Amino acid sequence: MTPLSQQLVGSWSVASHESVRADGSRIPVYGVAPNGLAMFGADGRFVITVMRGDRANYATAHPARGSAEENKATAAGTMTYFGTYKVRETEGIIAIHIDASSFPNWNGADQIRGFAIVGDELTLTVNAFGGHAEVKWKRISSGLIEQQVLR
């Protein structure tokens, strides 16, 4: 059987990102159709970015000139972070070190994610706020990556 650390390497597209409360109810953190990408390199580096799929365009074409309301919606509807990771095979967890994040409180933080891989589906979980977050990802095949690059 291929070790989890090798199965994790590659690119993943977000399928869902939910907050699961203690009572079992689920809230789609970035809406019902989020956009996102997770990349885990064989060198132990990662990047994760997730955002709402239903974000409205800014009134201006300049990304640094959004209104206070537009900027607030962008900040609330986007999470990006990158750093290094180590898979702890026997525990079924990933230990991550976040170099930088769109949420500055995470800069330099060490965190733990539970994870499982079944076929081409990756599930990451983390305990938070009396419940947990559950993020499901689908593997992006190398053929799809090549098609996107060649466009």
Protein backbone atom coordinates (compact mmCIF):
# COMPACT_ATOMS: atom_id res chain seq x y z
CA MET A 1 0.00 0.00 0.00
CA THR A 2 1.26 3.49 -0.88
CA PRO A 3 2.07 5.58 2.22
CA LEU A 4 -0.32 8.46 2.96
CA SER A 5 2.55 10.91 2.60
CA GLN A 6 2.97 9.86 -1.05
CA GLN A 7 -0.78 9.77 -1.72
CA LEU A 8 -1.09 13.36 -0.49
CA VAL A 9 1.43 14.81 -2.95
CA GLY A 10 -0.24 16.66 -5.80
CA SER A 11 -2.93 19.20 -6.53
CA TRP A 12 -6.46 19.11 -5.12
CA SER A 13 -9.60 21.11 -5.94
CA VAL A 14 -11.97 22.02 -3.08
CA ALA A 15 -15.32 20.23 -3.15
CA SER A 16 -16.75 21.57 0.14
CA HIS A 17 -15.65 23.49 3.23
CA GLU A 18 -18.01 23.11 6.18
CA SER A 19 -18.11 24.07 9.82
CA VAL A 20 -19.59 21.18 11.80
CA ARG A 21 -21.10 22.27 15.10
CA ALA A 22 -21.19 20.16 18.25
CA ASP A 23 -24.85 19.32 17.53
CA GLY A 24 -23.89 17.95 14.09
CA SER A 25 -25.35 20.81 12.06
CA ARG A 26 -23.24 21.96 9.10
CA ILE A 27 -22.57 25.43 7.74
CA PRO A 28 -20.89 25.96 4.36
CA VAL A 29 -18.13 28.40 5.38
CA TYR A 30 -17.40 29.63 1.84
CA GLY A 31 -20.85 29.02 0.36
CA VAL A 32 -22.24 25.91 -1.31
CA ALA A 33 -19.87 26.12 -4.30
CA PRO A 34 -16.47 27.33 -3.04
CA ASN A 35 -13.40 27.69 -5.25
CA GLY A 36 -10.06 26.49 -3.99
CA LEU A 37 -6.81 24.71 -4.54
CA ALA A 38 -4.49 22.77 -2.27
CA MET A 39 -1.03 21.76 -3.41
CA PHE A 40 1.22 19.43 -1.42
CA GLY A 41 4.75 19.04 -2.77
CA ALA A 42 7.07 16.08 -2.31
CA ASP A 43 9.50 18.62 -0.78
CA GLY A 44 7.18 19.14 2.23
CA ARG A 45 5.79 22.51 1.15
CA PHE A 46 2.08 23.30 0.73
CA VAL A 47 -0.28 26.08 -0.28
CA ILE A 48 -4.03 26.17 0.38
CA THR A 49 -6.44 28.78 -0.89
CA VAL A 50 -10.23 28.73 -0.60
CA MET A 51 -12.77 31.42 -1.46
CA ARG A 52 -16.47 31.89 -1.93
CA GLY A 53 -17.59 31.06 -5.45
CA ASP A 54 -20.38 33.64 -5.35
CA ARG A 55 -18.28 36.77 -4.75
CA ALA A 56 -19.49 39.91 -6.53
CA ASN A 57 -17.16 41.89 -8.79
CA TYR A 58 -15.77 45.17 -7.46
CA ALA A 59 -17.23 48.38 -8.90
CA THR A 60 -13.71 49.30 -10.05
CA ALA A 61 -11.29 47.25 -12.14
CA HIS A 62 -8.42 47.92 -9.70
CA PRO A 63 -7.96 45.29 -6.92
CA ALA A 64 -6.50 47.80 -4.44
CA ARG A 65 -9.34 50.30 -4.84
CA GLY A 66 -12.32 48.36 -3.52
CA SER A 67 -14.81 49.99 -1.20
CA ALA A 68 -14.72 49.17 2.51
CA GLU A 69 -17.69 46.83 1.97
CA GLU A 70 -16.03 45.10 -1.02
CA ASN A 71 -12.77 44.66 0.89
CA LYS A 72 -14.61 43.27 3.91
CA ALA A 73 -16.46 40.74 1.73
CA THR A 74 -13.17 39.67 0.14
CA ALA A 75 -11.49 39.21 3.53
CA ALA A 76 -14.45 37.28 4.95
CA GLY A 77 -14.78 35.11 1.86
CA THR A 78 -11.15 34.12 1.32
CA MET A 79 -8.54 32.06 3.21
CA THR A 80 -5.04 31.48 1.86
CA TYR A 81 -2.01 30.10 3.63
CA PHE A 82 1.24 28.34 2.83
CA GLY A 83 4.19 26.76 4.57
CA THR A 84 5.59 23.32 5.33
CA TYR A 85 4.00 20.03 6.33
CA LYS A 86 4.85 16.61 7.72
CA VAL A 87 2.58 13.60 7.57
CA ARG A 88 2.35 11.50 10.72
CA GLU A 89 1.30 8.23 9.11
CA THR A 90 0.42 6.24 12.25
CA GLU A 91 -1.67 9.10 13.70
CA GLY A 92 -3.44 10.02 10.45
CA ILE A 93 -2.55 13.68 10.80
CA ILE A 94 -0.64 16.40 9.03
CA ALA A 95 1.44 18.77 11.12
CA ILE A 96 1.68 22.10 9.32
CA HIS A 97 3.79 25.17 9.89
CA ILE A 98 2.20 28.27 8.37
CA ASP A 99 4.75 30.70 6.99
CA ALA A 100 2.11 33.28 6.05
CA SER A 101 -1.67 33.52 5.81
CA SER A 102 -4.37 35.93 4.63
CA PHE A 103 -5.50 35.66 8.29
CA PRO A 104 -2.42 37.26 9.93
CA ASN A 105 -3.01 35.59 13.32
CA TRP A 106 -1.89 32.33 11.68
CA ASN A 107 1.48 33.69 10.49
CA GLY A 108 4.20 31.48 12.01
CA ALA A 109 1.65 29.12 13.60
CA ASP A 110 1.95 25.35 13.96
CA GLN A 111 -1.33 23.46 13.47
CA ILE A 112 -2.58 19.90 13.18
CA ARG A 113 -5.03 18.59 10.58
CA GLY A 114 -6.66 15.18 10.64
CA PHE A 115 -6.85 13.67 7.21
CA ALA A 116 -8.01 10.72 5.19
CA ILE A 117 -7.56 9.81 1.54
CA VAL A 118 -10.01 7.48 -0.18
CA GLY A 119 -9.32 7.11 -3.90
CA ASP A 120 -9.10 10.62 -5.32
CA GLU A 121 -10.83 12.28 -2.35
CA LEU A 122 -8.98 14.00 0.48
CA THR A 123 -10.71 15.06 3.70
CA LEU A 124 -8.99 17.48 6.09
CA THR A 125 -10.42 18.16 9.56
CA VAL A 126 -9.48 20.50 12.38
CA ASN A 127 -11.13 21.12 15.74
CA ALA A 128 -12.32 24.71 16.09
CA PHE A 129 -14.80 26.77 18.08
CA GLY A 130 -16.52 23.89 19.88
CA GLY A 131 -16.93 21.85 16.70
CA HIS A 132 -14.70 21.17 13.74
CA ALA A 133 -14.05 22.21 10.17
CA GLU A 134 -14.27 19.57 7.46
CA VAL A 135 -12.82 20.29 4.03
CA LYS A 136 -13.23 17.85 1.15
CA TRP A 137 -10.95 17.93 -1.87
CA LYS A 138 -10.85 16.09 -5.21
CA ARG A 139 -7.52 15.19 -6.79
CA ILE A 140 -6.73 17.13 -9.94
CA SER A 141 -5.36 14.69 -12.49
CA SER A 142 -2.15 15.57 -14.30
CA GLY A 143 -4.12 15.58 -17.57
CA LEU A 144 -6.40 18.33 -16.27
CA ILE A 145 -3.41 20.38 -15.12
CA GLU A 146 -1.80 20.05 -18.55
CA GLN A 147 -5.04 21.13 -20.25
CA GLN A 148 -5.29 24.21 -18.03
CA VAL A 149 -1.65 25.18 -18.65
CA LEU A 150 -1.98 24.80 -22.43
CA ARG A 151 -5.00 27.12 -22.66
